[in-house]
Amino acid sequence: MHPRDILLGAQARTSSLPVCDHYSGVESRMRKSLQLQAEMAQEFGACVFDVTLDCEDGAPVGGEAEHAALVTELALGAAPGARVAVRVHPVDHPAFESDIAIIVGKAGARLVHVMLPKVESPADVERAARALDAAGAPQLALQGLIESPAAVHRAFDIAAHSRMQSLSFGLMDFVSAHGGAIPSHGMGVEGQFTHPLVVRAKLEIASACHAHGKVPSHGVVTEFRDQAAFRAAASRAANEFGYTRMWSIHPDQIRAIVEVFAPSANEIHKASQILGLAEAASWAPISFDGKLEDRASYRYYWQVLERAHQTGRQLPEEARGWFATVRP
């Protein structure tokens, strides 16, 4: 068996996603995003970010069907091996059903997931899952965007749905849903990590995902021109709030996310050493540098190597063979 199956079990189905999810909804930017993905995949030797083509914010009012047709064309024309997703309209929007019928019905086989905005309950997830099934894509994963206080309250139930792969936090809508009780500072690069209600929501979503083996994806940081501030925010999301994936809304954010979420060379080297010894011991406990290591720590170190692979880091020779057979 592959180490991933031995150490992660059922969780292995959802833990392997690129650390960056890049959103674009304007035609020229969607095309450039797909081109950049192909270029960076060649550079890194792995597809280090998803491209999510946006219908919710990208489609002009009254032009939803035309925009869905454009997204379908782009998904079908993406390079082999591209990781392309789509954000459709919410389940209660008049365009939801047509989004699914047009895009998933024609290009479902080329999509890696469908992002469902404004998820309020497991019933919304179930409705979306039935729509994907009806469109001929019963295996296509759903990701959800939590954007209200009520949705945060139900985050554990939403994350538990078998079709749900990842949850993201919709900061702007969450703040505005409080009717002015959270100041605008709570949407900024600093305030979103310090205001108690926002912090609580982020932690609830991350905890819900980890409880059910799903991927917590940190949402938008709008200050894309201040690279130092953005990198600091990405670091906090990864190292303090438990997020293993993050949104990008500008090409300049992609490399920063990949670099911040990648493990260090020392972490990669240590993980490779420990797992090599563990495999030789048939995954029984071992001693390493005077410390006991067992299945619990092996899982952690395997996830270090997975993040290294997902972010295009150089793997030691002894670890490369594991990733020649790892599932996408």
C-alpha atoms as a PDB file:
ATOM      1  CA  MET A   1       0.000   0.000   0.000  1.00  0.00           C
ATOM      2  CA  HIS A   2       1.010   3.583  -0.580  1.00  0.00           C
ATOM      3  CA  PRO A   3       2.151   5.524   2.536  1.00  0.00           C
ATOM      4  CA  ARG A   4      -0.710   7.926   1.941  1.00  0.00           C
ATOM      5  CA  ASP A   5      -3.289   5.196   2.360  1.00  0.00           C
ATOM      6  CA  ILE A   6      -1.482   3.592   5.300  1.00  0.00           C
ATOM      7  CA  LEU A   7      -1.105   6.837   7.238  1.00  0.00           C
ATOM      8  CA  LEU A   8      -4.142   8.912   6.255  1.00  0.00           C
ATOM      9  CA  GLY A   9      -6.776   6.305   5.456  1.00  0.00           C
ATOM     10  CA  ALA A  10     -10.084   7.849   4.350  1.00  0.00           C
ATOM     11  CA  GLN A  11      -8.693  11.351   4.827  1.00  0.00           C
ATOM     12  CA  ALA A  12      -6.364  10.716   1.874  1.00  0.00           C
ATOM     13  CA  ARG A  13      -9.290  11.361  -0.461  1.00  0.00           C
ATOM     14  CA  THR A  14      -9.428  15.079   0.292  1.00  0.00           C
ATOM     15  CA  SER A  15      -6.105  16.150   1.747  1.00  0.00           C
ATOM     16  CA  SER A  16      -4.183  16.548  -1.518  1.00  0.00           C
ATOM     17  CA  LEU A  17      -5.122  19.901  -3.032  1.00  0.00           C
ATOM     18  CA  PRO A  18      -2.869  22.693  -4.326  1.00  0.00           C
ATOM     19  CA  VAL A  19      -2.246  25.317  -1.646  1.00  0.00           C
ATOM     20  CA  CYS A  20      -3.477  28.175  -3.847  1.00  0.00           C
ATOM     21  CA  ASP A  21      -6.866  28.703  -5.507  1.00  0.00           C
ATOM     22  CA  HIS A  22      -6.774  31.589  -7.991  1.00  0.00           C
ATOM     23  CA  TYR A  23     -10.036  33.348  -8.915  1.00  0.00           C
ATOM     24  CA  SER A  24     -10.785  35.326 -12.058  1.00  0.00           C
ATOM     25  CA  GLY A  25     -14.009  36.199 -13.849  1.00  0.00           C
ATOM     26  CA  VAL A  26     -13.131  38.639 -16.657  1.00  0.00           C
ATOM     27  CA  GLU A  27     -12.408  36.927 -19.969  1.00  0.00           C
ATOM     28  CA  SER A  28      -8.921  38.340 -20.492  1.00  0.00           C
ATOM     29  CA  ARG A  29      -7.909  37.520 -16.921  1.00  0.00           C
ATOM     30  CA  MET A  30      -9.360  34.027 -17.074  1.00  0.00           C
ATOM     31  CA  ARG A  31      -7.325  33.307 -20.208  1.00  0.00           C
ATOM     32  CA  LYS A  32      -4.168  34.758 -18.633  1.00  0.00           C
ATOM     33  CA  SER A  33      -4.747  32.719 -15.469  1.00  0.00           C
ATOM     34  CA  LEU A  34      -4.905  29.471 -17.414  1.00  0.00           C
ATOM     35  CA  GLN A  35      -1.781  30.422 -19.340  1.00  0.00           C
ATOM     36  CA  LEU A  36       0.050  31.276 -16.116  1.00  0.00           C
ATOM     37  CA  GLN A  37      -1.007  27.971 -14.578  1.00  0.00           C
ATOM     38  CA  ALA A  38       0.519  26.069 -17.484  1.00  0.00           C
ATOM     39  CA  GLU A  39       3.731  28.102 -17.319  1.00  0.00           C
ATOM     40  CA  MET A  40       4.140  27.632 -13.570  1.00  0.00           C
ATOM     41  CA  ALA A  41       3.341  23.917 -13.793  1.00  0.00           C
ATOM     42  CA  GLN A  42       6.243  23.561 -16.205  1.00  0.00           C
ATOM     43  CA  GLU A  43       8.485  25.663 -13.950  1.00  0.00           C
ATOM     44  CA  PHE A  44       7.662  23.812 -10.715  1.00  0.00           C
ATOM     45  CA  GLY A  45       7.097  20.337 -12.121  1.00  0.00           C
ATOM     46  CA  ALA A  46       3.636  20.288 -10.524  1.00  0.00           C
ATOM     47  CA  CYS A  47       0.369  22.194 -10.828  1.00  0.00           C
ATOM     48  CA  VAL A  48       0.802  24.492  -7.824  1.00  0.00           C
ATOM     49  CA  PHE A  49      -2.532  26.328  -8.018  1.00  0.00           C
ATOM     50  CA  ASP A  50      -6.102  25.819  -9.166  1.00  0.00           C
ATOM     51  CA  VAL A  51      -7.784  28.267 -11.513  1.00  0.00           C
ATOM     52  CA  THR A  52     -11.409  28.914 -10.557  1.00  0.00           C
ATOM     53  CA  LEU A  53     -13.410  30.604 -13.292  1.00  0.00           C
ATOM     54  CA  ASP A  54     -15.939  32.861 -11.622  1.00  0.00           C
ATOM     55  CA  CYS A  55     -19.575  33.081 -12.630  1.00  0.00           C
ATOM     56  CA  GLU A  56     -20.943  34.647  -9.447  1.00  0.00           C
ATOM     57  CA  ASP A  57     -18.933  37.876  -9.609  1.00  0.00           C
ATOM     58  CA  GLY A  58     -17.752  37.535 -13.203  1.00  0.00           C
ATOM     59  CA  ALA A  59     -21.064  37.324 -15.052  1.00  0.00           C
ATOM     60  CA  PRO A  60     -22.818  40.614 -15.930  1.00  0.00           C
ATOM     61  CA  VAL A  61     -26.426  40.874 -14.799  1.00  0.00           C
ATOM     62  CA  GLY A  62     -28.569  39.517 -17.618  1.00  0.00           C
ATOM     63  CA  GLY A  63     -25.565  37.885 -19.274  1.00  0.00           C
ATOM     64  CA  GLU A  64     -25.251  34.842 -17.014  1.00  0.00           C
ATOM     65  CA  ALA A  65     -25.894  32.267 -19.741  1.00  0.00           C
ATOM     66  CA  GLU A  66     -23.361  33.845 -22.100  1.00  0.00           C
ATOM     67  CA  HIS A  67     -20.766  33.941 -19.330  1.00  0.00           C
ATOM     68  CA  ALA A  68     -21.437  30.287 -18.502  1.00  0.00           C
ATOM     69  CA  ALA A  69     -20.877  29.424 -22.156  1.00  0.00           C
ATOM     70  CA  LEU A  70     -17.553  31.293 -22.089  1.00  0.00           C
ATOM     71  CA  VAL A  71     -16.457  29.455 -18.943  1.00  0.00           C
ATOM     72  CA  THR A  72     -17.377  26.169 -20.618  1.00  0.00           C
ATOM     73  CA  GLU A  73     -15.286  27.047 -23.663  1.00  0.00           C
ATOM     74  CA  LEU A  74     -12.285  27.951 -21.492  1.00  0.00           C
ATOM     75  CA  ALA A  75     -12.545  24.797 -19.403  1.00  0.00           C
ATOM     76  CA  LEU A  76     -12.761  22.582 -22.478  1.00  0.00           C
ATOM     77  CA  GLY A  77      -9.815  24.399 -24.075  1.00  0.00           C
ATOM     78  CA  ALA A  78      -7.529  24.215 -21.031  1.00  0.00           C
ATOM     79  CA  ALA A  79      -4.216  22.437 -21.377  1.00  0.00           C
ATOM     80  CA  PRO A  80      -3.998  18.720 -20.530  1.00  0.00           C
ATOM     81  CA  GLY A  81      -3.411  18.325 -16.814  1.00  0.00           C
ATOM     82  CA  ALA A  82      -4.833  21.763 -16.015  1.00  0.00           C
ATOM     83  CA  ARG A  83      -6.729  22.109 -12.743  1.00  0.00           C
ATOM     84  CA  VAL A  84      -9.803  24.146 -13.630  1.00  0.00           C
ATOM     85  CA  ALA A  85     -12.799  24.802 -11.399  1.00  0.00           C
ATOM     86  CA  VAL A  86     -15.844  27.056 -11.539  1.00  0.00           C
ATOM     87  CA  ARG A  87     -17.691  29.182  -9.009  1.00  0.00           C
ATOM     88  CA  VAL A  88     -21.369  29.060  -9.904  1.00  0.00           C
ATOM     89  CA  HIS A  89     -24.184  31.234  -8.573  1.00  0.00           C
ATOM     90  CA  PRO A  90     -25.762  30.355  -5.191  1.00  0.00           C
ATOM     91  CA  VAL A  91     -28.423  27.650  -5.159  1.00  0.00           C
ATOM     92  CA  ASP A  92     -31.216  30.214  -4.689  1.00  0.00           C
ATOM     93  CA  HIS A  93     -30.088  32.390  -7.621  1.00  0.00           C
ATOM     94  CA  PRO A  94     -32.103  32.135 -10.863  1.00  0.00           C
ATOM     95  CA  ALA A  95     -28.915  31.304 -12.809  1.00  0.00           C
ATOM     96  CA  PHE A  96     -27.804  28.383 -10.618  1.00  0.00           C
ATOM     97  CA  GLU A  97     -29.560  25.626 -12.545  1.00  0.00           C
ATOM     98  CA  SER A  98     -28.434  26.958 -15.923  1.00  0.00           C
ATOM     99  CA  ASP A  99     -24.840  27.365 -14.680  1.00  0.00           C
ATOM    100  CA  ILE A 100     -24.761  23.681 -13.784  1.00  0.00           C
ATOM    101  CA  ALA A 101     -26.527  22.542 -16.942  1.00  0.00           C
ATOM    102  CA  ILE A 102     -24.296  24.559 -19.273  1.00  0.00           C
ATOM    103  CA  ILE A 103     -20.901  24.237 -17.587  1.00  0.00           C
ATOM    104  CA  VAL A 104     -21.022  20.923 -15.788  1.00  0.00           C
ATOM    105  CA  GLY A 105     -23.232  19.336 -18.422  1.00  0.00           C
ATOM    106  CA  LYS A 106     -20.672  20.054 -21.139  1.00  0.00           C
ATOM    107  CA  ALA A 107     -17.318  20.400 -19.327  1.00  0.00           C
ATOM    108  CA  GLY A 108     -17.823  18.456 -16.096  1.00  0.00           C
ATOM    109  CA  ALA A 109     -15.072  15.994 -17.001  1.00  0.00           C
ATOM    110  CA  ARG A 110     -12.540  18.842 -17.211  1.00  0.00           C
ATOM    111  CA  LEU A 111     -13.420  20.376 -13.832  1.00  0.00           C
ATOM    112  CA  VAL A 112     -11.729  19.507 -10.540  1.00  0.00           C
ATOM    113  CA  HIS A 113     -14.499  20.976  -8.393  1.00  0.00           C
ATOM    114  CA  VAL A 114     -17.473  23.328  -8.292  1.00  0.00           C
ATOM    115  CA  MET A 115     -17.351  26.173  -5.769  1.00  0.00           C
ATOM    116  CA  LEU A 116     -20.740  26.811  -4.191  1.00  0.00           C
ATOM    117  CA  PRO A 117     -21.077  30.334  -2.743  1.00  0.00           C
ATOM    118  CA  LYS A 118     -23.303  31.396   0.155  1.00  0.00           C
ATOM    119  CA  VAL A 119     -23.757  27.913   1.560  1.00  0.00           C
ATOM    120  CA  GLU A 120     -26.139  28.172   4.497  1.00  0.00           C
ATOM    121  CA  SER A 121     -26.880  24.555   5.379  1.00  0.00           C
ATOM    122  CA  PRO A 122     -26.268  20.921   4.417  1.00  0.00           C
ATOM    123  CA  ALA A 123     -29.525  21.155   2.428  1.00  0.00           C
ATOM    124  CA  ASP A 124     -27.831  23.627   0.056  1.00  0.00           C
ATOM    125  CA  VAL A 125     -24.977  21.169  -0.450  1.00  0.00           C
ATOM    126  CA  GLU A 126     -27.410  18.339  -1.098  1.00  0.00           C
ATOM    127  CA  ARG A 127     -29.315  20.419  -3.654  1.00  0.00           C
ATOM    128  CA  ALA A 128     -26.077  21.224  -5.471  1.00  0.00           C
ATOM    129  CA  ALA A 129     -24.978  17.588  -5.366  1.00  0.00           C
ATOM    130  CA  ARG A 130     -28.254  16.499  -6.961  1.00  0.00           C
ATOM    131  CA  ALA A 131     -27.777  19.112  -9.685  1.00  0.00           C
ATOM    132  CA  LEU A 132     -24.281  17.789 -10.444  1.00  0.00           C
ATOM    133  CA  ASP A 133     -25.649  14.258 -10.591  1.00  0.00           C
ATOM    134  CA  ALA A 134     -28.382  15.336 -12.983  1.00  0.00           C
ATOM    135  CA  ALA A 135     -25.772  17.020 -15.174  1.00  0.00           C
ATOM    136  CA  GLY A 136     -23.850  13.749 -15.475  1.00  0.00           C
ATOM    137  CA  ALA A 137     -21.065  14.468 -12.976  1.00  0.00           C
ATOM    138  CA  PRO A 138     -21.768  12.256  -9.940  1.00  0.00           C
ATOM    139  CA  GLN A 139     -18.096  12.170  -8.905  1.00  0.00           C
ATOM    140  CA  LEU A 140     -17.426  15.916  -9.152  1.00  0.00           C
ATOM    141  CA  ALA A 141     -16.460  17.456  -5.802  1.00  0.00           C
ATOM    142  CA  LEU A 142     -18.097  20.476  -4.235  1.00  0.00           C
ATOM    143  CA  GLN A 143     -16.368  23.230  -2.295  1.00  0.00           C
ATOM    144  CA  GLY A 144     -18.317  25.661  -0.170  1.00  0.00           C
ATOM    145  CA  LEU A 145     -18.049  29.332   0.721  1.00  0.00           C
ATOM    146  CA  ILE A 146     -19.198  30.198   4.254  1.00  0.00           C
ATOM    147  CA  GLU A 147     -20.385  33.818   4.288  1.00  0.00           C
ATOM    148  CA  SER A 148     -22.857  34.375   7.140  1.00  0.00           C
ATOM    149  CA  PRO A 149     -23.030  33.952  10.938  1.00  0.00           C
ATOM    150  CA  ALA A 150     -25.663  31.231  10.530  1.00  0.00           C
ATOM    151  CA  ALA A 151     -23.450  29.328   8.085  1.00  0.00           C
ATOM    152  CA  VAL A 152     -20.535  29.536  10.514  1.00  0.00           C
ATOM    153  CA  HIS A 153     -22.833  28.034  13.169  1.00  0.00           C
ATOM    154  CA  ARG A 154     -23.540  25.103  10.818  1.00  0.00           C
ATOM    155  CA  ALA A 155     -19.975  24.742   9.501  1.00  0.00           C
ATOM    156  CA  PHE A 156     -19.420  21.322  11.100  1.00  0.00           C
ATOM    157  CA  ASP A 157     -22.601  19.922   9.544  1.00  0.00           C
ATOM    158  CA  ILE A 158     -21.733  21.403   6.155  1.00  0.00           C
ATOM    159  CA  ALA A 159     -18.191  20.020   6.274  1.00  0.00           C
ATOM    160  CA  ALA A 160     -19.575  16.576   7.161  1.00  0.00           C
ATOM    161  CA  HIS A 161     -21.371  16.202   3.805  1.00  0.00           C
ATOM    162  CA  SER A 162     -19.669  13.473   1.797  1.00  0.00           C
ATOM    163  CA  ARG A 163     -19.585  15.570  -1.378  1.00  0.00           C
ATOM    164  CA  MET A 164     -17.918  18.563   0.305  1.00  0.00           C
ATOM    165  CA  GLN A 165     -14.185  18.743  -0.288  1.00  0.00           C
ATOM    166  CA  SER A 166     -13.191  22.119   1.161  1.00  0.00           C
ATOM    167  CA  LEU A 167     -14.655  25.138   2.942  1.00  0.00           C
ATOM    168  CA  SER A 168     -13.618  28.749   2.397  1.00  0.00           C
ATOM    169  CA  PHE A 169     -14.429  31.865   4.392  1.00  0.00           C
ATOM    170  CA  GLY A 170     -16.243  34.756   2.674  1.00  0.00           C
ATOM    171  CA  LEU A 171     -14.884  37.664   4.704  1.00  0.00           C
ATOM    172  CA  MET A 172     -16.631  40.607   3.030  1.00  0.00           C
ATOM    173  CA  ASP A 173     -20.138  39.153   3.138  1.00  0.00           C
ATOM    174  CA  PHE A 174     -19.592  37.886   6.670  1.00  0.00           C
ATOM    175  CA  VAL A 175     -18.654  41.353   7.928  1.00  0.00           C
ATOM    176  CA  SER A 176     -21.494  43.088   6.075  1.00  0.00           C
ATOM    177  CA  ALA A 177     -23.973  40.518   7.439  1.00  0.00           C
ATOM    178  CA  HIS A 178     -23.398  42.010  10.890  1.00  0.00           C
ATOM    179  CA  GLY A 179     -25.134  45.286  10.011  1.00  0.00           C
ATOM    180  CA  GLY A 180     -22.243  47.509  11.039  1.00  0.00           C
ATOM    181  CA  ALA A 181     -21.451  45.682  14.275  1.00  0.00           C
ATOM    182  CA  ILE A 182     -18.044  44.772  12.829  1.00  0.00           C
ATOM    183  CA  PRO A 183     -16.167  47.882  11.639  1.00  0.00           C
ATOM    184  CA  SER A 184     -14.632  48.058   8.164  1.00  0.00           C
ATOM    185  CA  HIS A 185     -11.256  47.456   9.793  1.00  0.00           C
ATOM    186  CA  GLY A 186     -12.415  43.839  10.206  1.00  0.00           C
ATOM    187  CA  MET A 187     -12.121  43.357   6.447  1.00  0.00           C
ATOM    188  CA  GLY A 188      -8.537  44.607   6.284  1.00  0.00           C
ATOM    189  CA  VAL A 189      -5.248  42.773   6.237  1.00  0.00           C
ATOM    190  CA  GLU A 190      -4.779  43.253   9.985  1.00  0.00           C
ATOM    191  CA  GLY A 191      -8.322  43.496  11.344  1.00  0.00           C
ATOM    192  CA  GLN A 192      -9.444  40.184   9.879  1.00  0.00           C
ATOM    193  CA  PHE A 193      -6.880  38.468  12.108  1.00  0.00           C
ATOM    194  CA  THR A 194      -7.711  40.402  15.275  1.00  0.00           C
ATOM    195  CA  HIS A 195     -11.442  41.204  15.436  1.00  0.00           C
ATOM    196  CA  PRO A 196     -12.940  38.577  17.788  1.00  0.00           C
ATOM    197  CA  LEU A 197     -15.996  37.733  15.664  1.00  0.00           C
ATOM    198  CA  VAL A 198     -13.933  37.310  12.499  1.00  0.00           C
ATOM    199  CA  VAL A 199     -11.278  35.310  14.315  1.00  0.00           C
ATOM    200  CA  ARG A 200     -13.944  33.050  15.803  1.00  0.00           C
ATOM    201  CA  ALA A 201     -15.478  32.421  12.377  1.00  0.00           C
ATOM    202  CA  LYS A 202     -12.135  31.543  10.824  1.00  0.00           C
ATOM    203  CA  LEU A 203     -11.288  29.146  13.617  1.00  0.00           C
ATOM    204  CA  GLU A 204     -14.706  27.477  13.467  1.00  0.00           C
ATOM    205  CA  ILE A 205     -14.370  26.861   9.732  1.00  0.00           C
ATOM    206  CA  ALA A 206     -10.820  25.515  10.026  1.00  0.00           C
ATOM    207  CA  SER A 207     -11.829  23.281  12.931  1.00  0.00           C
ATOM    208  CA  ALA A 208     -14.898  21.977  11.077  1.00  0.00           C
ATOM    209  CA  CYS A 209     -12.754  21.025   8.109  1.00  0.00           C
ATOM    210  CA  HIS A 210     -10.112  19.268  10.172  1.00  0.00           C
ATOM    211  CA  ALA A 211     -12.809  17.413  12.112  1.00  0.00           C
ATOM    212  CA  HIS A 212     -14.125  15.865   8.891  1.00  0.00           C
ATOM    213  CA  GLY A 213     -10.922  15.478   6.873  1.00  0.00           C
ATOM    214  CA  LYS A 214     -11.713  18.392   4.551  1.00  0.00           C
ATOM    215  CA  VAL A 215      -9.466  21.246   3.383  1.00  0.00           C
ATOM    216  CA  PRO A 216      -9.818  24.677   5.045  1.00  0.00           C
ATOM    217  CA  SER A 217      -9.158  27.397   2.470  1.00  0.00           C
ATOM    218  CA  HIS A 218      -8.447  30.924   3.638  1.00  0.00           C
ATOM    219  CA  GLY A 219     -10.336  33.560   1.663  1.00  0.00           C
ATOM    220  CA  VAL A 220      -9.587  36.927   0.170  1.00  0.00           C
ATOM    221  CA  VAL A 221      -6.908  39.364   1.268  1.00  0.00           C
ATOM    222  CA  THR A 222      -7.535  42.425  -0.895  1.00  0.00           C
ATOM    223  CA  GLU A 223      -4.255  44.267  -0.235  1.00  0.00           C
ATOM    224  CA  PHE A 224      -2.484  42.646  -3.174  1.00  0.00           C
ATOM    225  CA  ARG A 225      -0.070  45.515  -3.872  1.00  0.00           C
ATOM    226  CA  ASP A 226       1.481  45.452  -0.395  1.00  0.00           C
ATOM    227  CA  GLN A 227       3.466  42.241  -0.725  1.00  0.00           C
ATOM    228  CA  ALA A 228       4.906  42.370   2.786  1.00  0.00           C
ATOM    229  CA  ALA A 229       1.466  42.744   4.348  1.00  0.00           C
ATOM    230  CA  PHE A 230       0.024  40.032   2.130  1.00  0.00           C
ATOM    231  CA  ARG A 231       2.793  37.560   2.953  1.00  0.00           C
ATOM    232  CA  ALA A 232       2.317  38.268   6.649  1.00  0.00           C
ATOM    233  CA  ALA A 233      -1.413  37.549   6.289  1.00  0.00           C
ATOM    234  CA  ALA A 234      -0.747  34.315   4.417  1.00  0.00           C
ATOM    235  CA  SER A 235       1.708  33.265   7.114  1.00  0.00           C
ATOM    236  CA  ARG A 236      -0.846  33.890   9.858  1.00  0.00           C
ATOM    237  CA  ALA A 237      -3.499  31.935   7.965  1.00  0.00           C
ATOM    238  CA  ALA A 238      -1.154  28.973   7.596  1.00  0.00           C
ATOM    239  CA  ASN A 239       0.681  28.999  10.909  1.00  0.00           C
ATOM    240  CA  GLU A 240      -1.842  30.399  13.401  1.00  0.00           C
ATOM    241  CA  PHE A 241      -5.306  29.657  11.994  1.00  0.00           C
ATOM    242  CA  GLY A 242      -4.837  26.151  10.602  1.00  0.00           C
ATOM    243  CA  TYR A 243      -5.526  26.832   6.919  1.00  0.00           C
ATOM    244  CA  THR A 244      -3.810  24.648   4.332  1.00  0.00           C
ATOM    245  CA  ARG A 245      -4.991  26.497   1.227  1.00  0.00           C
ATOM    246  CA  MET A 246      -5.659  30.144   0.325  1.00  0.00           C
ATOM    247  CA  TRP A 247      -7.404  32.223  -2.312  1.00  0.00           C
ATOM    248  CA  SER A 248      -5.578  34.448  -4.763  1.00  0.00           C
ATOM    249  CA  ILE A 249      -7.372  37.292  -6.556  1.00  0.00           C
ATOM    250  CA  HIS A 250      -4.330  38.755  -8.303  1.00  0.00           C
ATOM    251  CA  PRO A 251      -1.454  36.974 -10.096  1.00  0.00           C
ATOM    252  CA  ASP A 252       1.066  38.644  -7.767  1.00  0.00           C
ATOM    253  CA  GLN A 253      -0.435  36.732  -4.837  1.00  0.00           C
ATOM    254  CA  ILE A 254       0.079  33.252  -6.277  1.00  0.00           C
ATOM    255  CA  ARG A 255       3.813  32.857  -5.733  1.00  0.00           C
ATOM    256  CA  ALA A 256       3.589  34.387  -2.267  1.00  0.00           C
ATOM    257  CA  ILE A 257       0.947  31.832  -1.232  1.00  0.00           C
ATOM    258  CA  VAL A 258       2.920  28.919  -2.684  1.00  0.00           C
ATOM    259  CA  GLU A 259       6.098  30.024  -0.921  1.00  0.00           C
ATOM    260  CA  VAL A 260       4.474  30.738   2.446  1.00  0.00           C
ATOM    261  CA  PHE A 261       2.521  27.473   2.529  1.00  0.00           C
ATOM    262  CA  ALA A 262       5.531  25.393   1.453  1.00  0.00           C
ATOM    263  CA  PRO A 263       7.587  23.586   4.120  1.00  0.00           C
ATOM    264  CA  SER A 264      11.220  24.564   4.617  1.00  0.00           C
ATOM    265  CA  ALA A 265      14.119  22.529   3.216  1.00  0.00           C
ATOM    266  CA  ASN A 266      14.992  21.375   6.733  1.00  0.00           C
ATOM    267  CA  GLU A 267      11.434  20.172   7.356  1.00  0.00           C
ATOM    268  CA  ILE A 268      11.445  18.264   4.068  1.00  0.00           C
ATOM    269  CA  HIS A 269      14.788  16.617   4.812  1.00  0.00           C
ATOM    270  CA  LYS A 270      13.723  15.534   8.314  1.00  0.00           C
ATOM    271  CA  ALA A 271      10.385  14.205   7.058  1.00  0.00           C
ATOM    272  CA  SER A 272      12.113  12.127   4.367  1.00  0.00           C
ATOM    273  CA  GLN A 273      14.567  10.634   6.858  1.00  0.00           C
ATOM    274  CA  ILE A 274      11.897   9.698   9.396  1.00  0.00           C
ATOM    275  CA  LEU A 275       9.509   8.216   6.843  1.00  0.00           C
ATOM    276  CA  GLY A 276      12.269   6.223   5.168  1.00  0.00           C
ATOM    277  CA  LEU A 277      13.141   4.613   8.493  1.00  0.00           C
ATOM    278  CA  ALA A 278       9.458   4.107   9.288  1.00  0.00           C
ATOM    279  CA  GLU A 279       8.795   2.336   6.003  1.00  0.00           C
ATOM    280  CA  ALA A 280      11.812   0.076   6.609  1.00  0.00           C
ATOM    281  CA  ALA A 281      10.285  -0.781  10.007  1.00  0.00           C
ATOM    282  CA  SER A 282       6.892  -1.534   8.380  1.00  0.00           C
ATOM    283  CA  TRP A 283       5.528   1.609  10.059  1.00  0.00           C
ATOM    284  CA  ALA A 284       6.220   0.352  13.568  1.00  0.00           C
ATOM    285  CA  PRO A 285       7.610   2.889  16.101  1.00  0.00           C
ATOM    286  CA  ILE A 286      11.229   3.975  15.663  1.00  0.00           C
ATOM    287  CA  SER A 287      13.795   6.094  17.486  1.00  0.00           C
ATOM    288  CA  PHE A 288      15.077   9.185  15.667  1.00  0.00           C
ATOM    289  CA  ASP A 289      17.535  11.634  17.240  1.00  0.00           C
ATOM    290  CA  GLY A 290      16.728  10.199  20.647  1.00  0.00           C
ATOM    291  CA  LYS A 291      12.977  10.687  20.259  1.00  0.00           C
ATOM    292  CA  LEU A 292      10.170   8.189  19.772  1.00  0.00           C
ATOM    293  CA  GLU A 293       8.343   8.461  16.459  1.00  0.00           C
ATOM    294  CA  ASP A 294       5.203   6.495  15.615  1.00  0.00           C
ATOM    295  CA  ARG A 295       2.110   6.573  13.393  1.00  0.00           C
ATOM    296  CA  ALA A 296       0.911   9.900  14.801  1.00  0.00           C
ATOM    297  CA  SER A 297       4.126  11.708  13.884  1.00  0.00           C
ATOM    298  CA  TYR A 298       4.443   9.753  10.633  1.00  0.00           C
ATOM    299  CA  ARG A 299       1.125  11.252   9.515  1.00  0.00           C
ATOM    300  CA  TYR A 300       2.434  14.729  10.236  1.00  0.00           C
ATOM    301  CA  TYR A 301       5.683  14.162   8.340  1.00  0.00           C
ATOM    302  CA  TRP A 302       3.838  12.621   5.401  1.00  0.00           C
ATOM    303  CA  GLN A 303       1.732  15.741   5.166  1.00  0.00           C
ATOM    304  CA  VAL A 304       4.951  17.803   5.145  1.00  0.00           C
ATOM    305  CA  LEU A 305       6.085  15.857   2.095  1.00  0.00           C
ATOM    306  CA  GLU A 306       2.703  16.231   0.435  1.00  0.00           C
ATOM    307  CA  ARG A 307       2.850  20.006   0.851  1.00  0.00           C
ATOM    308  CA  ALA A 308       6.384  19.962  -0.522  1.00  0.00           C
ATOM    309  CA  HIS A 309       5.189  18.098  -3.589  1.00  0.00           C
ATOM    310  CA  GLN A 310       2.133  20.329  -4.031  1.00  0.00           C
ATOM    311  CA  THR A 311       4.295  23.458  -3.883  1.00  0.00           C
ATOM    312  CA  GLY A 312       6.979  22.224  -6.277  1.00  0.00           C
ATOM    313  CA  ARG A 313       9.726  21.924  -3.656  1.00  0.00           C
ATOM    314  CA  GLN A 314      12.755  19.741  -4.328  1.00  0.00           C
ATOM    315  CA  LEU A 315      12.260  16.328  -2.736  1.00  0.00           C
ATOM    316  CA  PRO A 316      15.153  14.128  -1.575  1.00  0.00           C
ATOM    317  CA  GLU A 317      15.802  11.228  -3.914  1.00  0.00           C
ATOM    318  CA  GLU A 318      14.561   8.664  -1.398  1.00  0.00           C
ATOM    319  CA  ALA A 319      11.130  10.366  -1.261  1.00  0.00           C
ATOM    320  CA  ARG A 320      10.526  10.885  -4.971  1.00  0.00           C
ATOM    321  CA  GLY A 321       9.305   7.369  -5.648  1.00  0.00           C
ATOM    322  CA  TRP A 322       6.315   7.847  -3.372  1.00  0.00           C
ATOM    323  CA  PHE A 323       5.082  10.692  -5.569  1.00  0.00           C
ATOM    324  CA  ALA A 324       5.452   8.839  -8.829  1.00  0.00           C
ATOM    325  CA  THR A 325       2.329   6.881  -7.837  1.00  0.00           C
ATOM    326  CA  VAL A 326       0.451   9.306  -5.585  1.00  0.00           C
ATOM    327  CA  ARG A 327      -3.118   9.954  -6.686  1.00  0.00           C
ATOM    328  CA  PRO A 328      -3.959  13.426  -8.103  1.00  0.00           C
END
